[in-house]
N, C-alpha and C. Protein backbone atom coordinates (compact mmCIF):
# COMPACT_ATOMS: atom_id res chain seq x y z
N MET A 1 195.96 63.62 122.06
CA MET A 1 196.98 62.80 122.65
C MET A 1 197.05 62.74 124.21
N ARG A 2 197.12 63.71 124.87
CA ARG A 2 196.87 63.42 125.97
C ARG A 2 195.49 62.80 127.07
N ILE A 3 194.62 62.98 126.09
CA ILE A 3 193.31 62.31 126.37
C ILE A 3 193.72 60.42 126.13
N LEU A 4 193.90 60.44 125.03
CA LEU A 4 194.57 58.94 124.62
C LEU A 4 195.11 58.45 125.94
N ASN A 5 196.53 58.82 126.22
CA ASN A 5 197.24 58.63 126.60
C ASN A 5 197.23 58.84 128.41
N ASN A 6 195.77 58.99 128.93
CA ASN A 6 195.23 59.15 130.21
C ASN A 6 195.94 59.95 131.17
N ARG A 7 196.64 61.38 130.53
CA ARG A 7 197.33 62.61 131.02
C ARG A 7 196.14 63.54 131.35
N HIS A 8 194.62 63.56 130.81
CA HIS A 8 194.35 64.40 131.05
C HIS A 8 192.32 63.95 130.76
N TRP A 9 191.85 64.20 132.01
CA TRP A 9 190.51 64.11 131.75
C TRP A 9 189.80 64.89 130.31
N ILE A 10 188.50 64.43 129.91
CA ILE A 10 188.23 65.24 128.61
C ILE A 10 187.50 66.35 129.03
N SER A 11 186.97 66.61 130.66
CA SER A 11 186.19 67.36 130.84
C SER A 11 187.16 68.94 130.69
N ASP A 12 188.37 68.31 131.50
CA ASP A 12 189.55 69.28 131.85
C ASP A 12 189.69 69.82 130.24
N VAL A 13 190.07 69.31 129.12
CA VAL A 13 190.68 69.53 127.86
C VAL A 13 189.32 70.58 127.39
N MET A 14 187.70 69.80 127.38
CA MET A 14 186.78 71.27 126.87
C MET A 14 187.01 72.41 127.93
N ALA A 15 186.94 72.07 128.97
CA ALA A 15 186.92 73.62 129.73
C ALA A 15 188.14 74.56 129.77
N GLY A 16 188.89 73.87 129.47
CA GLY A 16 190.45 74.64 129.33
C GLY A 16 189.78 75.60 127.52
N ALA A 17 189.49 74.92 126.83
CA ALA A 17 189.23 75.23 125.43
C ALA A 17 188.35 76.45 125.27
N ALA A 18 187.43 76.35 126.33
CA ALA A 18 186.07 77.25 126.29
C ALA A 18 186.14 78.90 127.02
N ILE A 19 186.98 78.29 128.06
CA ILE A 19 187.93 79.35 129.01
C ILE A 19 188.60 80.04 128.18
N GLY A 20 189.50 79.60 127.76
CA GLY A 20 190.37 80.22 126.49
C GLY A 20 190.16 81.02 125.58
N TYR A 21 188.59 80.96 124.89
CA TYR A 21 188.25 81.35 123.62
C TYR A 21 187.14 82.45 124.42
N ILE A 22 186.39 82.26 125.85
CA ILE A 22 185.76 83.32 125.92
C ILE A 22 186.57 84.16 126.49
N SER A 23 187.60 84.00 127.78
CA SER A 23 188.29 84.96 127.65
C SER A 23 188.75 85.67 126.50
N THR A 24 189.33 85.20 125.83
CA THR A 24 189.58 85.73 124.38
C THR A 24 188.63 87.44 124.20
N GLN A 25 187.41 86.92 123.94
CA GLN A 25 186.58 87.38 123.48
C GLN A 25 185.63 88.35 124.47
N LEU A 26 186.21 88.35 125.92
CA LEU A 26 186.09 89.48 126.50
C LEU A 26 187.31 90.36 126.69
N GLY A 27 188.69 89.93 126.64
CA GLY A 27 189.80 90.95 126.26
C GLY A 27 188.98 92.14 124.94
N TYR A 28 188.45 91.60 124.17
CA TYR A 28 188.27 92.30 123.01
C TYR A 28 186.89 93.07 123.96
N PHE A 29 186.23 92.44 123.75
CA PHE A 29 184.48 93.46 124.54
C PHE A 29 185.46 94.40 125.48
N LEU A 30 186.27 94.00 126.53
CA LEU A 30 186.76 95.57 127.19
C LEU A 30 187.22 96.18 126.77
N THR A 31 188.21 95.87 125.99
CA THR A 31 188.83 96.89 124.95
C THR A 31 187.99 98.04 124.31
N ASP A 32 187.03 97.40 123.75
CA ASP A 32 185.93 97.93 122.82
C ASP A 32 185.01 98.67 124.12
N LEU A 33 185.06 98.58 125.58
CA LEU A 33 184.27 99.17 126.32
C LEU A 33 184.77 100.37 126.47
N ILE A 34 186.22 100.28 126.91
CA ILE A 34 187.04 101.06 127.61
C ILE A 34 187.57 102.20 126.39
N PHE A 35 188.21 101.69 125.42
CA PHE A 35 188.21 102.74 124.37
C PHE A 35 187.39 103.16 122.91
N LYS A 36 186.15 103.33 123.54
CA LYS A 36 185.16 102.68 122.93
C LYS A 36 184.85 104.43 121.91
N ASP A 37 185.01 105.20 122.59
CA ASP A 37 185.24 106.74 121.84
C ASP A 37 186.33 107.66 121.73
N LYS A 38 187.37 106.93 121.89
CA LYS A 38 188.90 107.37 121.48
C LYS A 38 189.41 107.03 120.35
N TYR A 39 189.76 107.73 119.29
CA TYR A 39 190.39 107.60 118.23
C TYR A 39 189.98 106.65 117.26
N LEU A 40 188.36 106.21 117.65
CA LEU A 40 187.27 105.81 116.92
C LEU A 40 186.17 106.45 116.37
N ASN A 41 185.95 106.10 114.99
CA ASN A 41 184.53 106.43 114.40
C ASN A 41 183.25 105.81 115.12
N VAL A 42 182.45 106.38 116.10
CA VAL A 42 181.70 105.78 116.41
C VAL A 42 180.31 105.96 115.92
N LYS A 43 179.70 105.13 115.79
CA LYS A 43 177.77 105.24 115.53
C LYS A 43 177.25 105.03 116.28
N ASP A 44 175.92 105.78 116.28
CA ASP A 44 175.27 105.37 116.91
C ASP A 44 174.74 103.93 116.89
N GLU A 45 173.71 103.46 118.22
CA GLU A 45 173.63 101.83 118.40
C GLU A 45 172.49 101.79 117.86
N ALA A 46 171.75 102.30 117.35
CA ALA A 46 170.92 102.01 116.30
C ALA A 46 171.00 101.59 114.65
N ASP A 47 172.41 102.54 114.59
CA ASP A 47 172.88 101.87 113.20
C ASP A 47 173.92 100.77 113.58
N LEU A 48 174.44 100.19 114.51
CA LEU A 48 175.31 99.10 114.76
C LEU A 48 174.32 97.95 114.91
N PHE A 49 173.41 97.86 115.63
CA PHE A 49 171.93 96.91 115.85
C PHE A 49 171.34 96.83 115.43
N ASP A 50 170.68 96.13 114.65
CA ASP A 50 169.36 95.99 114.20
C ASP A 50 168.62 94.78 114.82
N ALA A 51 167.25 95.36 115.00
CA ALA A 51 166.29 93.79 115.97
C ALA A 51 165.96 93.52 114.78
N ARG A 52 165.81 93.92 113.25
CA ARG A 52 165.11 93.11 112.27
C ARG A 52 165.98 92.28 111.29
N ARG A 53 167.29 92.22 111.88
CA ARG A 53 168.23 91.21 111.00
C ARG A 53 168.04 90.15 111.26
N GLU A 54 168.51 88.94 110.40
CA GLU A 54 168.41 87.64 110.61
C GLU A 54 169.53 87.27 111.10
N PRO A 55 169.35 86.54 112.16
CA PRO A 55 170.23 85.93 113.44
C PRO A 55 171.15 85.20 113.45
N SER A 56 171.65 84.83 112.43
CA SER A 56 172.50 83.44 112.02
C SER A 56 173.68 83.57 112.97
N PHE A 57 173.88 82.91 112.89
CA PHE A 57 175.36 82.54 113.90
C PHE A 57 175.86 81.33 113.81
N LEU A 58 177.17 80.94 114.74
CA LEU A 58 177.74 79.99 114.93
C LEU A 58 178.92 80.10 116.23
N GLY A 59 178.77 79.27 116.66
CA GLY A 59 179.35 79.42 118.22
C GLY A 59 179.96 78.34 118.98
N ILE A 60 180.39 78.51 120.09
CA ILE A 60 180.86 77.23 121.18
C ILE A 60 180.02 77.39 122.44
N SER A 61 179.61 76.15 122.89
CA SER A 61 179.06 76.57 123.92
C SER A 61 179.54 75.36 125.32
N LEU A 62 179.60 75.94 126.33
CA LEU A 62 179.92 74.84 127.54
C LEU A 62 178.76 74.67 128.63
N SER A 63 178.40 73.75 129.06
CA SER A 63 177.21 73.44 129.63
C SER A 63 177.48 72.42 130.88
N TYR A 64 176.53 72.72 132.33
CA TYR A 64 176.96 71.49 133.27
C TYR A 64 175.80 70.62 132.88
N ASP A 65 175.27 69.53 133.07
CA ASP A 65 174.69 68.50 132.80
C ASP A 65 174.21 68.53 134.53
N LEU A 66 172.85 68.19 134.87
CA LEU A 66 172.30 68.20 135.71
C LEU A 66 172.18 66.56 136.01
N PRO A 67 172.02 66.16 137.61
CA PRO A 67 172.06 64.66 137.71
C PRO A 67 170.90 64.11 136.96
N GLY A 68 170.71 62.63 136.62
CA GLY A 68 169.90 62.04 135.93
C GLY A 68 169.05 61.03 136.62
N VAL A 69 168.53 60.48 136.13
CA VAL A 69 167.52 59.26 136.95
C VAL A 69 168.46 58.28 136.59
N SER A 70 168.01 56.88 137.36
CA SER A 70 168.85 55.79 137.43
C SER A 70 168.33 54.90 136.89
N THR A 71 169.35 53.78 136.04
CA THR A 71 169.17 52.69 135.58
C THR A 71 169.15 51.57 136.09
N ARG A 72 168.17 50.60 136.41
CA ARG A 72 168.54 49.45 137.14
C ARG A 72 168.84 48.06 135.95
N MET A 73 170.01 47.36 136.34
CA MET A 73 170.39 46.46 136.11
C MET A 73 170.00 45.05 136.31
N ASN A 74 170.16 43.92 135.38
CA ASN A 74 169.63 42.57 135.47
C ASN A 74 169.82 42.04 136.61
N ASN A 75 171.44 42.24 137.48
CA ASN A 75 171.75 41.98 138.06
C ASN A 75 171.21 42.93 139.57
N GLY A 76 170.29 43.59 139.46
CA GLY A 76 169.90 44.38 140.92
C GLY A 76 170.68 45.54 140.87
N HIS A 77 171.61 45.95 140.43
CA HIS A 77 172.35 47.32 140.47
C HIS A 77 172.49 48.39 139.85
N ARG A 78 172.01 49.25 140.40
CA ARG A 78 171.48 50.84 140.12
C ARG A 78 173.04 51.97 139.47
N LEU A 79 172.65 52.09 138.06
CA LEU A 79 173.15 53.24 137.45
C LEU A 79 172.63 54.46 137.19
N ARG A 80 173.58 55.36 137.63
CA ARG A 80 173.22 56.68 137.04
C ARG A 80 174.07 57.80 136.93
N THR A 81 174.14 58.54 135.74
CA THR A 81 174.95 59.93 135.62
C THR A 81 174.58 60.81 136.68
N ALA A 82 175.61 61.54 137.18
CA ALA A 82 175.59 62.13 138.51
C ALA A 82 175.52 63.76 138.23
N SER A 83 176.60 63.98 136.89
CA SER A 83 176.41 65.30 136.67
C SER A 83 177.78 64.99 135.40
N GLY A 84 177.83 66.21 134.89
CA GLY A 84 178.66 65.89 133.26
C GLY A 84 179.01 67.36 132.66
N VAL A 85 179.59 67.48 131.87
CA VAL A 85 180.04 68.65 130.90
C VAL A 85 180.04 68.46 129.70
N ASP A 86 179.69 69.26 128.94
CA ASP A 86 178.94 69.12 127.67
C ASP A 86 179.78 70.62 126.82
N LEU A 87 180.86 70.14 125.80
CA LEU A 87 181.15 71.39 124.73
C LEU A 87 180.64 71.30 123.72
N ALA A 88 180.17 71.90 122.58
CA ALA A 88 179.44 71.76 121.58
C ALA A 88 179.70 73.19 120.48
N LEU A 89 179.56 72.75 119.67
CA LEU A 89 179.52 73.61 118.12
C LEU A 89 178.62 73.68 117.79
N GLU A 90 177.80 74.98 117.75
CA GLU A 90 176.24 74.87 117.28
C GLU A 90 176.69 76.39 116.18
N GLY A 91 175.11 76.17 115.31
CA GLY A 91 175.45 77.38 114.38
C GLY A 91 173.71 77.04 113.68
N ALA A 92 173.39 78.29 112.99
CA ALA A 92 171.86 78.25 112.26
C ALA A 92 171.83 79.23 111.25
N LYS A 93 171.51 78.97 110.13
CA LYS A 93 171.67 80.27 109.07
C LYS A 93 169.93 80.14 109.20
N PHE A 94 169.95 81.80 109.56
CA PHE A 94 167.98 82.45 109.49
C PHE A 94 167.74 82.84 108.16
N ILE A 95 166.42 82.65 107.91
CA ILE A 95 165.96 82.95 106.64
C ILE A 95 164.70 84.10 106.87
N ASN A 96 164.89 84.66 108.29
CA ASN A 96 164.12 85.43 108.58
C ASN A 96 164.52 85.98 110.13
N PRO A 97 164.06 86.96 110.52
CA PRO A 97 164.34 87.26 111.87
C PRO A 97 164.01 86.48 112.89
N TYR A 98 162.78 85.43 112.41
CA TYR A 98 162.53 84.41 113.37
C TYR A 98 162.65 82.83 113.22
N LEU A 99 163.09 82.65 112.44
CA LEU A 99 163.09 81.34 112.15
C LEU A 99 164.77 80.48 111.06
N GLY A 100 165.09 79.56 111.76
CA GLY A 100 166.56 79.32 111.00
C GLY A 100 166.12 78.11 111.50
N PHE A 101 167.41 77.69 110.31
CA PHE A 101 167.73 75.93 110.31
C PHE A 101 169.42 75.74 110.37
N GLY A 102 169.76 74.83 111.75
CA GLY A 102 171.21 74.61 111.72
C GLY A 102 171.49 73.48 112.35
N GLY A 103 172.63 73.30 113.22
CA GLY A 103 173.08 71.81 113.53
C GLY A 103 173.77 71.84 114.86
N ARG A 104 174.01 71.15 114.99
CA ARG A 104 175.23 70.85 116.24
C ARG A 104 175.90 69.28 116.66
N ALA A 105 177.05 70.07 116.96
CA ALA A 105 178.29 68.43 117.45
C ALA A 105 178.35 68.59 118.58
N SER A 106 178.60 67.50 119.98
CA SER A 106 178.45 67.76 121.01
C SER A 106 179.47 66.83 121.35
N LEU A 107 180.41 67.00 122.66
CA LEU A 107 181.13 66.05 123.63
C LEU A 107 180.81 65.93 124.93
N SER A 108 180.49 65.09 125.13
CA SER A 108 179.72 64.91 126.74
C SER A 108 180.74 64.26 127.54
N ASP A 109 181.43 64.72 128.53
CA ASP A 109 182.15 63.39 129.73
C ASP A 109 181.03 63.40 130.70
N LEU A 110 180.70 62.21 131.54
CA LEU A 110 179.89 62.09 131.84
C LEU A 110 180.13 61.18 133.75
N THR A 111 179.81 61.93 134.60
CA THR A 111 180.41 61.17 135.86
C THR A 111 179.37 60.22 136.36
N VAL A 112 179.30 58.94 136.54
CA VAL A 112 178.35 57.45 136.47
C VAL A 112 178.65 57.19 138.48
N MET A 113 177.48 57.23 138.71
CA MET A 113 177.23 56.88 140.21
C MET A 113 176.62 55.12 140.00
N VAL A 114 177.46 53.98 140.73
CA VAL A 114 176.99 52.66 140.42
C VAL A 114 176.70 53.00 142.32
N ASN A 115 175.20 52.20 142.60
CA ASN A 115 174.97 52.39 143.86
C ASN A 115 175.10 52.91 144.60
N ASN A 116 174.94 54.65 144.23
CA ASN A 116 174.85 55.87 144.53
C ASN A 116 176.50 56.24 145.19
N GLN A 117 177.08 55.44 144.81
CA GLN A 117 178.74 55.41 144.73
C GLN A 117 179.58 56.18 143.57
N THR A 118 180.08 57.20 143.73
CA THR A 118 180.75 57.68 141.88
C THR A 118 182.17 57.07 141.79
N SER A 119 182.05 56.54 140.11
CA SER A 119 182.57 55.80 139.80
C SER A 119 183.83 56.78 139.81
N PRO A 120 185.51 56.57 139.67
CA PRO A 120 186.26 57.53 139.20
C PRO A 120 186.53 57.33 137.60
N ASN A 121 186.01 56.53 137.14
CA ASN A 121 185.65 56.40 135.37
C ASN A 121 184.65 57.05 135.34
N SER A 122 184.86 57.76 133.73
CA SER A 122 183.64 58.61 133.41
C SER A 122 183.53 57.75 132.26
N LEU A 123 181.95 58.53 131.80
CA LEU A 123 181.47 57.74 130.41
C LEU A 123 181.12 59.38 129.23
N GLY A 124 181.52 59.28 128.05
CA GLY A 124 181.95 59.86 127.18
C GLY A 124 180.41 59.76 126.37
N MET A 125 180.20 60.77 125.22
CA MET A 125 179.46 60.47 124.45
C MET A 125 179.50 61.49 123.39
N VAL A 126 179.65 61.16 122.38
CA VAL A 126 179.26 62.05 120.93
C VAL A 126 177.80 62.17 120.50
N GLY A 127 177.81 63.57 120.04
CA GLY A 127 176.25 63.78 119.54
C GLY A 127 176.08 64.57 118.75
N LEU A 128 175.35 64.23 117.63
CA LEU A 128 175.62 64.96 116.26
C LEU A 128 173.42 65.29 115.89
N TYR A 129 173.30 66.67 115.70
CA TYR A 129 171.77 67.01 115.74
C TYR A 129 171.73 67.99 114.83
N ALA A 130 170.45 68.13 114.15
CA ALA A 130 170.70 68.63 113.21
C ALA A 130 168.93 69.00 113.14
N GLY A 131 167.92 70.77 112.98
CA GLY A 131 167.16 70.59 113.16
C GLY A 131 166.53 72.21 112.94
N VAL A 132 165.63 73.15 113.58
CA VAL A 132 164.87 74.42 113.68
C VAL A 132 165.26 75.27 114.98
N PHE A 133 166.07 76.32 114.33
CA PHE A 133 166.03 77.30 115.77
C PHE A 133 165.04 78.42 115.45
N GLY A 134 164.75 78.94 116.67
CA GLY A 134 163.78 80.03 116.40
C GLY A 134 164.73 81.23 117.11
N SER A 135 164.16 82.60 117.10
CA SER A 135 164.55 83.63 117.73
C SER A 135 163.70 84.63 117.79
N TYR A 136 163.43 85.42 118.74
CA TYR A 136 162.51 86.89 119.16
C TYR A 136 163.36 87.88 119.36
N PRO A 137 163.12 88.97 118.55
CA PRO A 137 163.92 90.09 119.86
C PRO A 137 163.26 90.96 120.31
N LEU A 138 163.51 91.15 121.41
CA LEU A 138 163.10 91.88 122.79
C LEU A 138 163.60 93.14 122.10
N SER A 139 164.58 93.67 121.76
CA SER A 139 165.38 95.02 121.36
C SER A 139 166.31 94.86 120.36
N ALA A 140 167.43 95.94 120.42
CA ALA A 140 168.02 95.89 119.59
C ALA A 140 169.31 95.04 119.82
N ARG A 141 169.29 94.49 121.24
CA ARG A 141 170.36 93.88 121.48
C ARG A 141 170.01 92.90 122.00
N TRP A 142 168.44 92.82 122.70
CA TRP A 142 168.22 91.47 123.48
C TRP A 142 167.50 90.57 122.61
N SER A 143 167.44 89.20 123.21
CA SER A 143 166.64 88.40 122.16
C SER A 143 166.51 87.10 123.27
N VAL A 144 165.50 86.44 122.48
CA VAL A 144 165.16 84.93 123.08
C VAL A 144 164.89 84.23 121.99
N GLY A 145 165.10 82.92 122.09
CA GLY A 145 164.77 82.11 121.12
C GLY A 145 164.65 80.50 121.90
N GLY A 146 164.51 79.58 120.95
CA GLY A 146 164.45 77.71 121.39
C GLY A 146 165.22 77.66 120.04
N LYS A 147 164.97 76.15 120.34
CA LYS A 147 165.61 75.41 119.28
C LYS A 147 165.08 74.05 119.40
N PHE A 148 164.89 72.85 118.53
CA PHE A 148 164.20 71.97 118.56
C PHE A 148 165.42 70.93 117.40
N LEU A 149 166.19 70.01 117.91
CA LEU A 149 167.09 69.29 117.30
C LEU A 149 167.05 67.96 117.36
N PRO A 150 166.34 66.96 116.36
CA PRO A 150 166.89 65.25 116.52
C PRO A 150 167.62 65.02 115.84
N GLY A 151 168.53 64.09 116.01
CA GLY A 151 169.73 63.67 115.92
C GLY A 151 170.15 62.55 116.43
N TYR A 152 171.58 62.03 116.18
CA TYR A 152 171.95 60.81 117.14
C TYR A 152 173.08 60.65 117.79
N ALA A 153 173.09 60.31 119.13
CA ALA A 153 174.12 59.97 120.08
C ALA A 153 174.66 58.80 120.40
N ARG A 154 176.12 58.51 120.45
CA ARG A 154 176.50 57.19 120.35
C ARG A 154 177.84 57.45 122.01
N TYR A 155 177.40 56.47 122.95
CA TYR A 155 178.36 56.58 123.90
C TYR A 155 180.02 55.11 123.63
N PRO A 156 181.03 55.63 123.64
CA PRO A 156 181.96 54.92 123.55
C PRO A 156 182.20 53.90 124.04
N GLN A 157 182.71 52.51 124.06
CA GLN A 157 182.57 51.60 125.28
C GLN A 157 183.78 52.08 126.12
N THR A 158 183.36 51.71 127.60
CA THR A 158 184.21 51.99 128.72
C THR A 158 183.63 51.15 129.91
N THR A 159 184.82 51.19 130.62
CA THR A 159 184.34 49.51 131.99
C THR A 159 184.09 51.29 133.40
N VAL A 160 182.80 50.55 133.46
CA VAL A 160 183.06 51.14 135.21
C VAL A 160 182.30 50.69 136.30
N ASN A 161 183.27 50.43 137.18
CA ASN A 161 183.34 49.32 138.34
C ASN A 161 182.92 47.82 137.82
N ASP A 162 183.54 47.32 137.08
CA ASP A 162 183.33 46.19 136.45
C ASP A 162 182.17 46.00 135.56
N PHE A 163 181.61 46.90 135.24
CA PHE A 163 180.34 47.02 134.01
C PHE A 163 180.97 47.95 132.94
N ARG A 164 180.75 46.69 131.78
CA ARG A 164 180.58 47.29 130.22
C ARG A 164 179.89 47.86 129.81
N LEU A 165 180.04 49.73 129.74
CA LEU A 165 178.88 50.36 129.35
C LEU A 165 179.61 51.02 128.40
N GLY A 166 178.89 51.46 127.46
CA GLY A 166 179.12 52.43 125.76
C GLY A 166 178.87 51.24 124.67
N ASN A 167 179.34 51.62 123.65
CA ASN A 167 179.53 50.61 122.56
C ASN A 167 178.50 50.72 121.93
N CYS A 168 177.61 51.51 122.10
CA CYS A 168 176.47 52.09 121.50
C CYS A 168 175.68 52.97 121.80
N GLY A 169 174.43 53.37 121.03
CA GLY A 169 174.12 54.88 120.74
C GLY A 169 172.52 54.20 120.24
N GLY A 170 171.79 55.48 119.50
CA GLY A 170 170.74 55.84 119.19
C GLY A 170 169.87 57.17 118.91
N PHE A 171 168.87 57.04 118.74
CA PHE A 171 167.69 58.36 118.81
C PHE A 171 168.26 59.42 119.89
N GLY A 172 168.57 60.94 119.61
CA GLY A 172 168.51 61.51 120.97
C GLY A 172 168.02 63.07 119.90
N LEU A 173 167.96 63.93 121.06
CA LEU A 173 167.26 65.38 121.22
C LEU A 173 167.53 66.00 121.72
N ASN A 174 167.93 67.26 120.92
CA ASN A 174 168.50 68.41 121.90
C ASN A 174 167.45 69.89 122.20
N THR A 175 166.80 70.42 122.81
CA THR A 175 165.76 71.12 122.91
C THR A 175 166.31 72.03 124.25
N GLY A 176 165.75 73.60 123.97
CA GLY A 176 165.69 74.19 125.15
C GLY A 176 165.78 75.57 124.55
N GLY A 177 165.50 76.50 125.37
CA GLY A 177 165.72 77.76 125.36
C GLY A 177 166.90 78.71 125.84
N HIS A 178 167.04 79.95 124.99
CA HIS A 178 168.07 80.49 125.54
C HIS A 178 167.72 82.56 125.75
N ILE A 179 168.46 83.25 126.57
CA ILE A 179 168.38 84.97 126.40
C ILE A 179 169.64 85.39 125.65
N GLY A 180 169.62 85.75 124.82
CA GLY A 180 170.71 86.45 123.91
C GLY A 180 171.27 87.92 124.30
N PHE A 181 172.26 88.41 124.40
CA PHE A 181 172.99 89.70 124.15
C PHE A 181 174.25 89.75 123.16
N MET A 182 173.91 90.81 122.33
CA MET A 182 174.37 91.26 121.30
C MET A 182 175.79 92.27 122.12
N VAL A 183 176.71 91.97 122.22
CA VAL A 183 178.16 92.63 122.53
C VAL A 183 178.51 93.61 122.08
N HIS A 184 178.33 93.27 120.36
CA HIS A 184 178.66 93.98 119.23
C HIS A 184 178.08 93.64 118.04
N PRO A 185 178.37 93.95 117.21
CA PRO A 185 177.43 93.62 116.11
C PRO A 185 178.11 92.04 115.61
N HIS A 186 178.77 91.81 115.41
CA HIS A 186 179.30 90.64 114.93
C HIS A 186 179.28 89.76 115.96
N TYR A 187 179.36 89.68 117.64
CA TYR A 187 179.01 88.93 118.35
C TYR A 187 178.31 88.80 119.66
N GLN A 188 177.84 87.52 120.07
CA GLN A 188 176.76 87.51 120.89
C GLN A 188 177.26 86.55 122.19
N MET A 189 176.33 86.64 123.28
CA MET A 189 176.36 85.85 124.26
C MET A 189 174.98 85.67 124.64
N LYS A 190 175.30 83.98 125.11
CA LYS A 190 173.73 83.51 125.47
C LYS A 190 174.26 82.50 126.78
N LEU A 191 172.92 82.61 127.41
CA LEU A 191 172.82 81.86 128.53
C LEU A 191 171.67 81.07 128.34
N PHE A 192 171.59 79.83 128.54
CA PHE A 192 170.33 78.61 127.93
C PHE A 192 170.44 77.63 128.78
N LEU A 193 169.12 77.53 128.61
CA LEU A 193 168.56 75.51 129.45
C LEU A 193 168.42 74.72 128.68
N ASP A 194 168.74 73.83 128.53
CA ASP A 194 168.60 73.00 127.52
C ASP A 194 168.32 71.45 127.84
N TYR A 195 167.02 70.79 127.10
CA TYR A 195 166.75 69.72 127.80
C TYR A 195 167.01 68.59 126.62
N ASP A 196 168.26 67.58 127.02
CA ASP A 196 168.40 66.12 126.18
C ASP A 196 167.92 65.00 126.67
N LEU A 197 167.50 64.29 125.43
CA LEU A 197 166.64 63.26 125.52
C LEU A 197 168.38 62.16 124.56
N ARG A 198 168.86 60.91 125.72
CA ARG A 198 170.12 60.25 124.94
C ARG A 198 169.47 58.92 124.97
N PRO A 199 170.21 58.15 124.21
CA PRO A 199 170.20 56.44 124.06
C PRO A 199 170.33 55.87 125.64
N SER A 200 170.04 55.03 126.08
CA SER A 200 170.40 54.31 127.27
C SER A 200 172.23 54.00 126.85
N TYR A 201 172.68 53.67 127.88
CA TYR A 201 174.34 54.17 127.76
C TYR A 201 174.27 52.47 128.26
N VAL A 202 173.37 51.64 128.40
CA VAL A 202 173.46 50.14 128.63
C VAL A 202 172.81 49.17 127.58
N SER A 203 173.76 48.58 127.15
CA SER A 203 173.24 48.12 125.60
C SER A 203 172.01 47.03 125.50
N THR A 204 171.98 46.56 127.28
CA THR A 204 170.63 45.63 127.55
C THR A 204 169.43 46.39 127.86
N THR A 205 169.42 47.88 128.07
CA THR A 205 168.25 48.09 127.98
C THR A 205 168.13 49.19 127.35
N ARG A 206 166.45 49.52 127.30
CA ARG A 206 166.34 50.67 126.22
C ARG A 206 165.67 51.95 127.24
N HIS A 207 166.27 51.94 128.48
CA HIS A 207 165.65 53.17 129.19
C HIS A 207 166.31 54.41 128.35
N CYS A 208 165.50 55.60 128.08
CA CYS A 208 166.30 56.60 127.48
C CYS A 208 166.77 57.60 129.00
N VAL A 209 167.59 58.40 128.58
CA VAL A 209 168.43 59.01 129.65
C VAL A 209 167.87 60.38 129.54
N HIS A 210 167.35 61.22 130.65
CA HIS A 210 166.71 62.44 130.41
C HIS A 210 168.11 63.16 131.21
N THR A 211 168.15 64.26 130.66
CA THR A 211 169.12 65.34 131.39
C THR A 211 168.63 66.38 130.75
N LEU A 212 168.87 67.63 132.24
CA LEU A 212 168.70 68.88 132.12
C LEU A 212 170.02 69.27 131.99
N ALA A 213 170.76 70.27 131.46
CA ALA A 213 171.54 71.20 131.26
C ALA A 213 171.58 73.22 131.13
N ILE A 214 172.65 73.56 131.99
CA ILE A 214 172.64 74.93 131.96
C ILE A 214 173.92 75.40 131.64
N GLY A 215 173.83 76.57 130.87
CA GLY A 215 175.16 76.71 129.96
C GLY A 215 175.57 78.13 129.62
N GLY A 216 176.26 78.35 128.68
CA GLY A 216 176.18 79.65 128.32
C GLY A 216 177.34 79.42 126.86
N SER A 217 177.38 80.46 126.03
CA SER A 217 177.70 80.23 124.89
C SER A 217 178.16 81.89 124.31
N ALA A 218 179.33 81.66 123.53
CA ALA A 218 179.76 82.78 122.25
C ALA A 218 179.98 82.06 121.02
N ASN A 219 178.90 83.13 120.37
CA ASN A 219 178.78 83.63 119.18
C ASN A 219 179.15 84.50 118.07
N ILE A 220 179.58 83.97 117.14
CA ILE A 220 179.79 84.84 115.87
C ILE A 220 178.35 85.12 115.12
N ALA A 221 178.02 86.55 115.02
CA ALA A 221 176.55 86.41 114.20
C ALA A 221 177.25 87.03 112.83
N PHE A 222 176.61 86.28 111.63
CA PHE A 222 176.58 86.95 110.28
C PHE A 222 175.76 86.98 109.66
């Protein structure tokens, strides 16, 4: 409601939610680390972590979008996304240690530049994707992986420096690679680099938006 009433930027809310979630999980991790052998039945790492398990997961991620390419308008002005923040819910069910199927739902808040001048108004985007996930265990705790998720992305209508943007959408693609570490048998942290192919945010053009995003995620393993 505070976003709708222009009391908060969507990026502030997304970042706050992600920081709160990750801080809670970090507290659990530090508690286990400090008291790991006090008043607890401790098992060997080989019994707790199995590299041959099916790495199914459900997690929340926060990433930073690197500046994108510019789009030339019919009136000669140039628009481009300068940077952005993505908050996403992502999960997959693996059928073996290497291959799984799942999806991703994301919210994005993008900074827009008009003729190299940053606009005070941001551009939002909603994305829904589904596809294939891959994983390869490097050890009982470490793994690398990737994904290929086609889907649909849409921009709500907004006005940026008298330009009416959004109210359009189309085909999108989310792909990338990650490195993961099992902090706990049921908790995994990931660092990732994603490539996003997004539809144009200007309804009168068909130029796709190419974006690189770097970020991290906290995941429940099951």
